[in-house]
Amino acid sequence: MTAWRERARFVADPLPADWREQLVQRLGLRPRRLGPWAELALYGARECLALAGETALPQGAVLRLASFGGPRSATRSIASQAAEGLPMPFAFMQSQASHTLAALSEHLAWRGDARFVLQRDRSALQDLAELEAMAAGATGLLFGWVEEDLSTDWRWLVPAD
């Protein structure tokens, strides 16, 4: 059985007032067509990997993203738009967690096994993510918990043995 060790952890809770500017500085560009929840996920993931000395998510790693509520503001926006007709495509895309996974993949220069889960129990979900990563023979696990306008908490785990 493979044990995991935490190589880096980044927590922003509460968020710094300038977190978006920090993201732009880290990326070297302003992300386009991303909602606040996706930007916050990207901010936390990039900062966590930077703490580990990584410029990209290594190939062979798995990515897990979790939240209590996901992209709530985008979901509220499309619900409001749907009450008046069809939601706007941009708003709809921002409400989809898979859109965030695609943005993470692009900005972390990575392709692989990524999943999003709505969950209340952080420790049980991290245990499950570690078991899945172990079963997949992953070289690492990037595990993030993001709450829109509140916090971003990321761990970069690598095999201990």
N, C-alpha and C. Protein backbone atom coordinates (compact mmCIF):
# COMPACT_ATOMS: atom_id res chain seq x y z
N MET A 1 0.84 -1.19 0.00
CA MET A 1 0.00 0.00 0.00
C MET A 1 0.88 1.24 0.00
N THR A 2 0.57 2.17 -0.85
CA THR A 2 1.32 3.41 -0.94
C THR A 2 0.77 4.43 0.03
N ALA A 3 1.64 5.01 0.81
CA ALA A 3 1.25 6.12 1.67
C ALA A 3 1.60 7.40 0.94
N TRP A 4 0.91 8.46 1.27
CA TRP A 4 1.15 9.75 0.64
C TRP A 4 1.74 10.70 1.65
N ARG A 5 2.61 11.56 1.16
CA ARG A 5 3.13 12.62 2.03
C ARG A 5 2.82 13.96 1.39
N GLU A 6 2.52 14.91 2.22
CA GLU A 6 2.19 16.24 1.73
C GLU A 6 3.48 16.99 1.42
N ARG A 7 3.64 17.35 0.17
CA ARG A 7 4.83 18.09 -0.26
C ARG A 7 4.61 19.59 -0.18
N ALA A 8 3.36 20.02 -0.38
CA ALA A 8 3.04 21.45 -0.28
C ALA A 8 1.56 21.60 0.03
N ARG A 9 1.26 22.71 0.71
CA ARG A 9 -0.14 23.05 0.97
C ARG A 9 -0.27 24.57 0.87
N PHE A 10 -1.33 24.97 0.19
CA PHE A 10 -1.63 26.40 0.08
C PHE A 10 -3.07 26.61 0.53
N VAL A 11 -3.24 27.50 1.50
CA VAL A 11 -4.57 27.82 2.01
C VAL A 11 -4.72 29.34 1.99
N ALA A 12 -5.79 29.80 1.38
CA ALA A 12 -6.16 31.22 1.44
C ALA A 12 -7.57 31.27 2.03
N ASP A 13 -7.64 31.48 3.34
CA ASP A 13 -8.91 31.53 4.06
C ASP A 13 -8.72 32.41 5.28
N PRO A 14 -9.09 33.67 5.18
CA PRO A 14 -9.85 34.32 4.13
C PRO A 14 -8.94 34.66 2.93
N LEU A 15 -9.60 34.99 1.86
CA LEU A 15 -8.87 35.35 0.63
C LEU A 15 -8.21 36.72 0.78
N PRO A 16 -7.00 36.87 0.26
CA PRO A 16 -6.41 38.22 0.24
C PRO A 16 -7.18 39.09 -0.76
N ALA A 17 -7.24 40.37 -0.48
CA ALA A 17 -8.00 41.29 -1.34
C ALA A 17 -7.47 41.29 -2.77
N ASP A 18 -6.19 41.04 -2.94
CA ASP A 18 -5.57 41.11 -4.27
C ASP A 18 -5.33 39.74 -4.90
N TRP A 19 -6.10 38.74 -4.55
CA TRP A 19 -5.83 37.39 -5.06
C TRP A 19 -5.91 37.32 -6.58
N ARG A 20 -6.80 38.09 -7.19
CA ARG A 20 -6.88 38.06 -8.66
C ARG A 20 -5.63 38.65 -9.30
N GLU A 21 -5.10 39.71 -8.71
CA GLU A 21 -3.86 40.29 -9.23
C GLU A 21 -2.70 39.31 -9.06
N GLN A 22 -2.68 38.59 -7.93
CA GLN A 22 -1.65 37.57 -7.72
C GLN A 22 -1.75 36.47 -8.78
N LEU A 23 -2.97 36.08 -9.14
CA LEU A 23 -3.16 35.07 -10.18
C LEU A 23 -2.62 35.55 -11.51
N VAL A 24 -2.93 36.78 -11.88
CA VAL A 24 -2.44 37.34 -13.15
C VAL A 24 -0.92 37.36 -13.14
N GLN A 25 -0.33 37.75 -12.03
CA GLN A 25 1.14 37.79 -11.93
C GLN A 25 1.73 36.38 -12.07
N ARG A 26 1.12 35.40 -11.43
CA ARG A 26 1.62 34.02 -11.48
C ARG A 26 1.51 33.45 -12.89
N LEU A 27 0.38 33.73 -13.57
CA LEU A 27 0.15 33.19 -14.92
C LEU A 27 0.87 33.98 -16.00
N GLY A 28 1.10 35.26 -15.74
CA GLY A 28 1.68 36.12 -16.77
C GLY A 28 0.63 36.63 -17.74
N LEU A 29 -0.64 36.38 -17.43
CA LEU A 29 -1.75 36.85 -18.25
C LEU A 29 -3.03 36.80 -17.43
N ARG A 30 -4.03 37.53 -17.90
CA ARG A 30 -5.34 37.49 -17.24
C ARG A 30 -6.15 36.35 -17.85
N PRO A 31 -6.62 35.41 -17.02
CA PRO A 31 -7.42 34.32 -17.58
C PRO A 31 -8.69 34.86 -18.22
N ARG A 32 -9.07 34.25 -19.32
CA ARG A 32 -10.26 34.69 -20.06
C ARG A 32 -11.36 33.65 -19.96
N ARG A 33 -12.55 34.15 -19.96
CA ARG A 33 -13.75 33.32 -19.99
C ARG A 33 -13.88 32.37 -18.81
N LEU A 34 -13.34 32.78 -17.66
CA LEU A 34 -13.48 31.99 -16.45
C LEU A 34 -14.29 32.79 -15.44
N GLY A 35 -15.15 32.10 -14.72
CA GLY A 35 -15.89 32.74 -13.64
C GLY A 35 -15.04 32.81 -12.39
N PRO A 36 -15.55 33.47 -11.35
CA PRO A 36 -14.76 33.65 -10.13
C PRO A 36 -14.38 32.33 -9.44
N TRP A 37 -15.27 31.34 -9.48
CA TRP A 37 -14.95 30.07 -8.84
C TRP A 37 -13.80 29.37 -9.55
N ALA A 38 -13.82 29.35 -10.86
CA ALA A 38 -12.75 28.74 -11.64
C ALA A 38 -11.43 29.49 -11.44
N GLU A 39 -11.49 30.82 -11.43
CA GLU A 39 -10.28 31.62 -11.19
C GLU A 39 -9.70 31.31 -9.81
N LEU A 40 -10.57 31.16 -8.83
CA LEU A 40 -10.12 30.86 -7.47
C LEU A 40 -9.47 29.47 -7.39
N ALA A 41 -10.05 28.52 -8.10
CA ALA A 41 -9.44 27.18 -8.15
C ALA A 41 -8.05 27.25 -8.80
N LEU A 42 -7.95 27.99 -9.88
CA LEU A 42 -6.68 28.14 -10.58
C LEU A 42 -5.64 28.85 -9.71
N TYR A 43 -6.07 29.88 -9.02
CA TYR A 43 -5.18 30.61 -8.11
C TYR A 43 -4.59 29.67 -7.06
N GLY A 44 -5.45 28.90 -6.39
CA GLY A 44 -4.98 28.01 -5.33
C GLY A 44 -4.08 26.90 -5.85
N ALA A 45 -4.47 26.30 -6.97
CA ALA A 45 -3.66 25.21 -7.53
C ALA A 45 -2.27 25.69 -7.93
N ARG A 46 -2.22 26.83 -8.61
CA ARG A 46 -0.92 27.36 -9.04
C ARG A 46 -0.04 27.73 -7.85
N GLU A 47 -0.62 28.34 -6.83
CA GLU A 47 0.17 28.72 -5.65
C GLU A 47 0.68 27.48 -4.92
N CYS A 48 -0.14 26.46 -4.81
CA CYS A 48 0.28 25.22 -4.15
C CYS A 48 1.45 24.58 -4.88
N LEU A 49 1.34 24.45 -6.19
CA LEU A 49 2.42 23.85 -6.96
C LEU A 49 3.69 24.70 -6.89
N ALA A 50 3.54 26.02 -6.87
CA ALA A 50 4.71 26.90 -6.75
C ALA A 50 5.43 26.67 -5.42
N LEU A 51 4.67 26.45 -4.35
CA LEU A 51 5.29 26.16 -3.06
C LEU A 51 6.11 24.87 -3.10
N ALA A 52 5.71 23.95 -3.96
CA ALA A 52 6.43 22.68 -4.12
C ALA A 52 7.57 22.79 -5.13
N GLY A 53 7.73 23.98 -5.73
CA GLY A 53 8.79 24.17 -6.72
C GLY A 53 8.42 23.66 -8.10
N GLU A 54 7.13 23.44 -8.33
CA GLU A 54 6.66 22.93 -9.62
C GLU A 54 6.11 24.08 -10.47
N THR A 55 6.40 24.08 -11.76
CA THR A 55 5.83 25.08 -12.66
C THR A 55 4.62 24.54 -13.41
N ALA A 56 4.42 23.23 -13.36
CA ALA A 56 3.29 22.57 -14.00
C ALA A 56 2.94 21.35 -13.16
N LEU A 57 1.76 20.82 -13.38
CA LEU A 57 1.37 19.59 -12.71
C LEU A 57 2.04 18.43 -13.45
N PRO A 58 2.87 17.64 -12.77
CA PRO A 58 3.57 16.56 -13.46
C PRO A 58 2.62 15.55 -14.11
N GLN A 59 3.00 15.08 -15.27
CA GLN A 59 2.23 14.03 -15.94
C GLN A 59 2.24 12.80 -15.03
N GLY A 60 1.17 12.06 -15.06
CA GLY A 60 1.04 10.88 -14.19
C GLY A 60 0.38 11.20 -12.87
N ALA A 61 0.16 12.49 -12.59
CA ALA A 61 -0.55 12.89 -11.37
C ALA A 61 -2.05 12.86 -11.64
N VAL A 62 -2.83 12.84 -10.57
CA VAL A 62 -4.28 12.98 -10.69
C VAL A 62 -4.70 14.26 -9.99
N LEU A 63 -5.84 14.78 -10.42
CA LEU A 63 -6.35 16.05 -9.92
C LEU A 63 -7.76 15.83 -9.38
N ARG A 64 -7.98 16.29 -8.15
CA ARG A 64 -9.31 16.21 -7.56
C ARG A 64 -9.68 17.59 -7.03
N LEU A 65 -10.86 18.04 -7.40
CA LEU A 65 -11.39 19.34 -6.99
C LEU A 65 -12.71 19.10 -6.29
N ALA A 66 -12.90 19.74 -5.15
CA ALA A 66 -14.12 19.54 -4.37
C ALA A 66 -14.62 20.86 -3.82
N SER A 67 -15.89 20.84 -3.41
CA SER A 67 -16.52 22.04 -2.88
C SER A 67 -17.81 21.66 -2.18
N PHE A 68 -18.25 22.53 -1.28
CA PHE A 68 -19.59 22.38 -0.69
C PHE A 68 -20.65 22.83 -1.69
N GLY A 69 -20.32 23.86 -2.48
CA GLY A 69 -21.35 24.46 -3.34
C GLY A 69 -20.97 24.70 -4.78
N GLY A 70 -19.71 24.58 -5.14
CA GLY A 70 -19.30 24.79 -6.52
C GLY A 70 -19.46 26.24 -6.96
N PRO A 71 -19.62 26.46 -8.26
CA PRO A 71 -19.73 27.82 -8.80
C PRO A 71 -21.12 28.42 -8.58
N ARG A 72 -21.40 28.82 -7.36
CA ARG A 72 -22.75 29.26 -6.98
C ARG A 72 -23.23 30.49 -7.73
N SER A 73 -22.38 31.49 -7.88
CA SER A 73 -22.84 32.72 -8.53
C SER A 73 -23.24 32.45 -9.98
N ALA A 74 -22.48 31.61 -10.68
CA ALA A 74 -22.82 31.26 -12.06
C ALA A 74 -24.11 30.45 -12.11
N THR A 75 -24.30 29.57 -11.15
CA THR A 75 -25.52 28.77 -11.11
C THR A 75 -26.74 29.65 -10.86
N ARG A 76 -26.61 30.61 -9.94
CA ARG A 76 -27.70 31.55 -9.70
C ARG A 76 -27.99 32.39 -10.94
N SER A 77 -26.94 32.78 -11.64
CA SER A 77 -27.10 33.59 -12.84
C SER A 77 -27.87 32.84 -13.92
N ILE A 78 -27.52 31.57 -14.17
CA ILE A 78 -28.24 30.84 -15.22
C ILE A 78 -29.66 30.50 -14.80
N ALA A 79 -29.90 30.32 -13.50
CA ALA A 79 -31.27 30.07 -13.04
C ALA A 79 -32.14 31.30 -13.31
N SER A 80 -31.57 32.46 -13.05
CA SER A 80 -32.28 33.72 -13.31
C SER A 80 -32.52 33.90 -14.81
N GLN A 81 -31.50 33.64 -15.61
CA GLN A 81 -31.63 33.76 -17.07
C GLN A 81 -32.64 32.74 -17.61
N ALA A 82 -32.65 31.54 -17.07
CA ALA A 82 -33.56 30.50 -17.54
C ALA A 82 -35.02 30.86 -17.25
N ALA A 83 -35.24 31.62 -16.18
CA ALA A 83 -36.60 32.04 -15.85
C ALA A 83 -37.15 33.00 -16.91
N GLU A 84 -36.25 33.66 -17.64
CA GLU A 84 -36.65 34.61 -18.67
C GLU A 84 -36.47 34.07 -20.09
N GLY A 85 -36.01 32.85 -20.22
CA GLY A 85 -35.75 32.26 -21.53
C GLY A 85 -34.56 31.31 -21.42
N LEU A 86 -33.72 31.28 -22.42
CA LEU A 86 -32.54 30.42 -22.39
C LEU A 86 -31.38 31.14 -21.71
N PRO A 87 -30.58 30.40 -20.92
CA PRO A 87 -29.40 31.02 -20.32
C PRO A 87 -28.36 31.35 -21.40
N MET A 88 -27.56 32.36 -21.13
CA MET A 88 -26.49 32.74 -22.04
C MET A 88 -25.41 31.64 -22.01
N PRO A 89 -24.82 31.32 -23.15
CA PRO A 89 -23.82 30.24 -23.20
C PRO A 89 -22.63 30.47 -22.26
N PHE A 90 -22.14 31.69 -22.18
CA PHE A 90 -20.99 31.97 -21.31
C PHE A 90 -21.33 31.71 -19.85
N ALA A 91 -22.50 32.18 -19.43
CA ALA A 91 -22.93 31.95 -18.04
C ALA A 91 -23.11 30.46 -17.77
N PHE A 92 -23.70 29.76 -18.74
CA PHE A 92 -23.90 28.32 -18.57
C PHE A 92 -22.55 27.60 -18.41
N MET A 93 -21.58 27.92 -19.25
CA MET A 93 -20.26 27.27 -19.18
C MET A 93 -19.61 27.52 -17.81
N GLN A 94 -19.75 28.72 -17.28
CA GLN A 94 -19.15 29.03 -15.98
C GLN A 94 -19.79 28.23 -14.85
N SER A 95 -21.01 27.77 -15.04
CA SER A 95 -21.69 27.01 -13.99
C SER A 95 -21.26 25.54 -13.98
N GLN A 96 -20.50 25.12 -14.96
CA GLN A 96 -20.10 23.72 -15.08
C GLN A 96 -18.71 23.50 -14.49
N ALA A 97 -18.62 22.61 -13.53
CA ALA A 97 -17.33 22.32 -12.90
C ALA A 97 -16.32 21.77 -13.91
N SER A 98 -16.80 21.09 -14.93
CA SER A 98 -15.89 20.55 -15.95
C SER A 98 -15.15 21.66 -16.67
N HIS A 99 -15.77 22.81 -16.79
CA HIS A 99 -15.11 23.98 -17.38
C HIS A 99 -13.88 24.37 -16.54
N THR A 100 -14.01 24.28 -15.23
CA THR A 100 -12.91 24.58 -14.33
C THR A 100 -11.80 23.54 -14.49
N LEU A 101 -12.17 22.28 -14.62
CA LEU A 101 -11.16 21.23 -14.80
C LEU A 101 -10.38 21.46 -16.10
N ALA A 102 -11.07 21.88 -17.15
CA ALA A 102 -10.38 22.17 -18.42
C ALA A 102 -9.43 23.34 -18.26
N ALA A 103 -9.83 24.37 -17.52
CA ALA A 103 -8.95 25.53 -17.30
C ALA A 103 -7.74 25.13 -16.47
N LEU A 104 -7.94 24.31 -15.46
CA LEU A 104 -6.82 23.83 -14.65
C LEU A 104 -5.85 23.04 -15.52
N SER A 105 -6.38 22.16 -16.34
CA SER A 105 -5.54 21.37 -17.24
C SER A 105 -4.71 22.27 -18.15
N GLU A 106 -5.35 23.25 -18.74
CA GLU A 106 -4.64 24.17 -19.65
C GLU A 106 -3.55 24.95 -18.93
N HIS A 107 -3.87 25.55 -17.81
CA HIS A 107 -2.93 26.43 -17.12
C HIS A 107 -1.91 25.69 -16.26
N LEU A 108 -2.12 24.40 -16.06
CA LEU A 108 -1.13 23.58 -15.34
C LEU A 108 -0.32 22.72 -16.30
N ALA A 109 -0.53 22.91 -17.62
CA ALA A 109 0.19 22.17 -18.67
C ALA A 109 0.13 20.68 -18.42
N TRP A 110 -1.09 20.18 -18.23
CA TRP A 110 -1.28 18.80 -17.80
C TRP A 110 -2.50 18.19 -18.48
N ARG A 111 -2.44 16.90 -18.70
CA ARG A 111 -3.58 16.11 -19.18
C ARG A 111 -3.62 14.84 -18.35
N GLY A 112 -4.81 14.48 -17.91
CA GLY A 112 -4.90 13.26 -17.12
C GLY A 112 -6.24 13.09 -16.45
N ASP A 113 -6.24 12.37 -15.35
CA ASP A 113 -7.42 11.99 -14.59
C ASP A 113 -7.80 13.14 -13.66
N ALA A 114 -8.92 13.79 -13.95
CA ALA A 114 -9.40 14.90 -13.13
C ALA A 114 -10.88 14.70 -12.82
N ARG A 115 -11.26 15.04 -11.59
CA ARG A 115 -12.66 14.91 -11.19
C ARG A 115 -13.05 16.04 -10.26
N PHE A 116 -14.35 16.37 -10.31
CA PHE A 116 -14.93 17.33 -9.39
C PHE A 116 -16.02 16.63 -8.60
N VAL A 117 -16.09 16.93 -7.29
CA VAL A 117 -17.09 16.33 -6.42
C VAL A 117 -17.66 17.40 -5.49
N LEU A 118 -19.00 17.45 -5.40
CA LEU A 118 -19.66 18.23 -4.36
C LEU A 118 -19.72 17.35 -3.13
N GLN A 119 -19.24 17.85 -2.00
CA GLN A 119 -19.13 17.00 -0.81
C GLN A 119 -19.10 17.86 0.43
N ARG A 120 -19.46 17.30 1.55
CA ARG A 120 -19.39 18.00 2.83
C ARG A 120 -18.23 17.51 3.70
N ASP A 121 -17.81 16.28 3.51
CA ASP A 121 -16.80 15.67 4.38
C ASP A 121 -15.43 15.70 3.70
N ARG A 122 -14.62 16.68 4.05
CA ARG A 122 -13.31 16.85 3.41
C ARG A 122 -12.39 15.66 3.64
N SER A 123 -12.32 15.19 4.87
CA SER A 123 -11.36 14.11 5.15
C SER A 123 -11.74 12.82 4.44
N ALA A 124 -13.03 12.48 4.39
CA ALA A 124 -13.45 11.27 3.68
C ALA A 124 -13.16 11.39 2.19
N LEU A 125 -13.37 12.58 1.65
CA LEU A 125 -13.11 12.77 0.22
C LEU A 125 -11.62 12.70 -0.08
N GLN A 126 -10.78 13.27 0.80
CA GLN A 126 -9.35 13.16 0.57
C GLN A 126 -8.90 11.71 0.68
N ASP A 127 -9.44 10.97 1.63
CA ASP A 127 -9.12 9.54 1.74
C ASP A 127 -9.47 8.81 0.44
N LEU A 128 -10.66 9.09 -0.09
CA LEU A 128 -11.08 8.46 -1.35
C LEU A 128 -10.14 8.86 -2.49
N ALA A 129 -9.78 10.14 -2.57
CA ALA A 129 -8.87 10.61 -3.63
C ALA A 129 -7.52 9.91 -3.53
N GLU A 130 -7.02 9.73 -2.32
CA GLU A 130 -5.74 9.03 -2.14
C GLU A 130 -5.85 7.58 -2.58
N LEU A 131 -6.94 6.91 -2.25
CA LEU A 131 -7.14 5.52 -2.68
C LEU A 131 -7.23 5.42 -4.20
N GLU A 132 -7.97 6.34 -4.82
CA GLU A 132 -8.08 6.34 -6.28
C GLU A 132 -6.72 6.59 -6.94
N ALA A 133 -5.97 7.54 -6.40
CA ALA A 133 -4.66 7.85 -6.96
C ALA A 133 -3.72 6.66 -6.82
N MET A 134 -3.78 6.00 -5.68
CA MET A 134 -2.94 4.82 -5.46
C MET A 134 -3.32 3.72 -6.44
N ALA A 135 -4.61 3.46 -6.61
CA ALA A 135 -5.07 2.41 -7.52
C ALA A 135 -4.67 2.71 -8.96
N ALA A 136 -4.59 3.99 -9.31
CA ALA A 136 -4.21 4.38 -10.66
C ALA A 136 -2.70 4.41 -10.87
N GLY A 137 -1.94 4.19 -9.81
CA GLY A 137 -0.48 4.25 -9.91
C GLY A 137 0.01 5.67 -10.15
N ALA A 138 -0.71 6.64 -9.62
CA ALA A 138 -0.38 8.05 -9.85
C ALA A 138 0.96 8.44 -9.23
N THR A 139 1.63 9.38 -9.89
CA THR A 139 2.90 9.91 -9.40
C THR A 139 2.68 11.05 -8.41
N GLY A 140 1.44 11.51 -8.29
CA GLY A 140 1.11 12.57 -7.35
C GLY A 140 -0.39 12.82 -7.35
N LEU A 141 -0.83 13.57 -6.36
CA LEU A 141 -2.24 13.91 -6.22
C LEU A 141 -2.35 15.38 -5.86
N LEU A 142 -3.00 16.15 -6.72
CA LEU A 142 -3.30 17.55 -6.42
C LEU A 142 -4.76 17.59 -6.01
N PHE A 143 -5.00 17.92 -4.74
CA PHE A 143 -6.33 17.88 -4.15
C PHE A 143 -6.71 19.27 -3.68
N GLY A 144 -7.80 19.81 -4.24
CA GLY A 144 -8.22 21.16 -3.89
C GLY A 144 -9.65 21.24 -3.42
N TRP A 145 -9.86 22.18 -2.50
CA TRP A 145 -11.20 22.46 -1.98
C TRP A 145 -11.43 23.95 -2.17
N VAL A 146 -12.46 24.32 -2.93
CA VAL A 146 -12.68 25.72 -3.29
C VAL A 146 -14.11 26.12 -2.94
N GLU A 147 -14.23 27.25 -2.23
CA GLU A 147 -15.53 27.84 -1.92
C GLU A 147 -15.53 29.26 -2.45
N GLU A 148 -16.41 29.53 -3.39
CA GLU A 148 -16.46 30.81 -4.09
C GLU A 148 -16.53 31.98 -3.11
N ASP A 149 -15.66 32.95 -3.35
CA ASP A 149 -15.58 34.19 -2.57
C ASP A 149 -15.22 33.96 -1.11
N LEU A 150 -14.79 32.75 -0.75
CA LEU A 150 -14.45 32.47 0.63
C LEU A 150 -13.03 31.94 0.81
N SER A 151 -12.73 30.84 0.11
CA SER A 151 -11.44 30.19 0.38
C SER A 151 -11.02 29.26 -0.75
N THR A 152 -9.72 28.97 -0.75
CA THR A 152 -9.15 27.95 -1.63
C THR A 152 -8.09 27.22 -0.81
N ASP A 153 -8.14 25.90 -0.82
CA ASP A 153 -7.26 25.07 0.01
C ASP A 153 -6.77 23.91 -0.85
N TRP A 154 -5.47 23.87 -1.11
CA TRP A 154 -4.89 22.87 -2.02
C TRP A 154 -3.75 22.13 -1.35
N ARG A 155 -3.66 20.83 -1.66
CA ARG A 155 -2.57 19.98 -1.19
C ARG A 155 -1.94 19.28 -2.39
N TRP A 156 -0.62 19.23 -2.39
CA TRP A 156 0.13 18.48 -3.40
C TRP A 156 0.74 17.31 -2.64
N LEU A 157 0.27 16.11 -2.95
CA LEU A 157 0.72 14.89 -2.29
C LEU A 157 1.52 14.03 -3.26
N VAL A 158 2.56 13.42 -2.75
CA VAL A 158 3.38 12.52 -3.55
C VAL A 158 3.53 11.21 -2.80
N PRO A 159 3.81 10.11 -3.51
CA PRO A 159 3.99 8.83 -2.81
C PRO A 159 5.12 8.91 -1.79
N ALA A 160 4.88 8.32 -0.64
CA ALA A 160 5.89 8.35 0.43
C ALA A 160 6.95 7.29 0.22
N ASP A 161 6.62 6.22 -0.52
CA ASP A 161 7.62 5.16 -0.71
C ASP A 161 7.95 4.97 -2.17
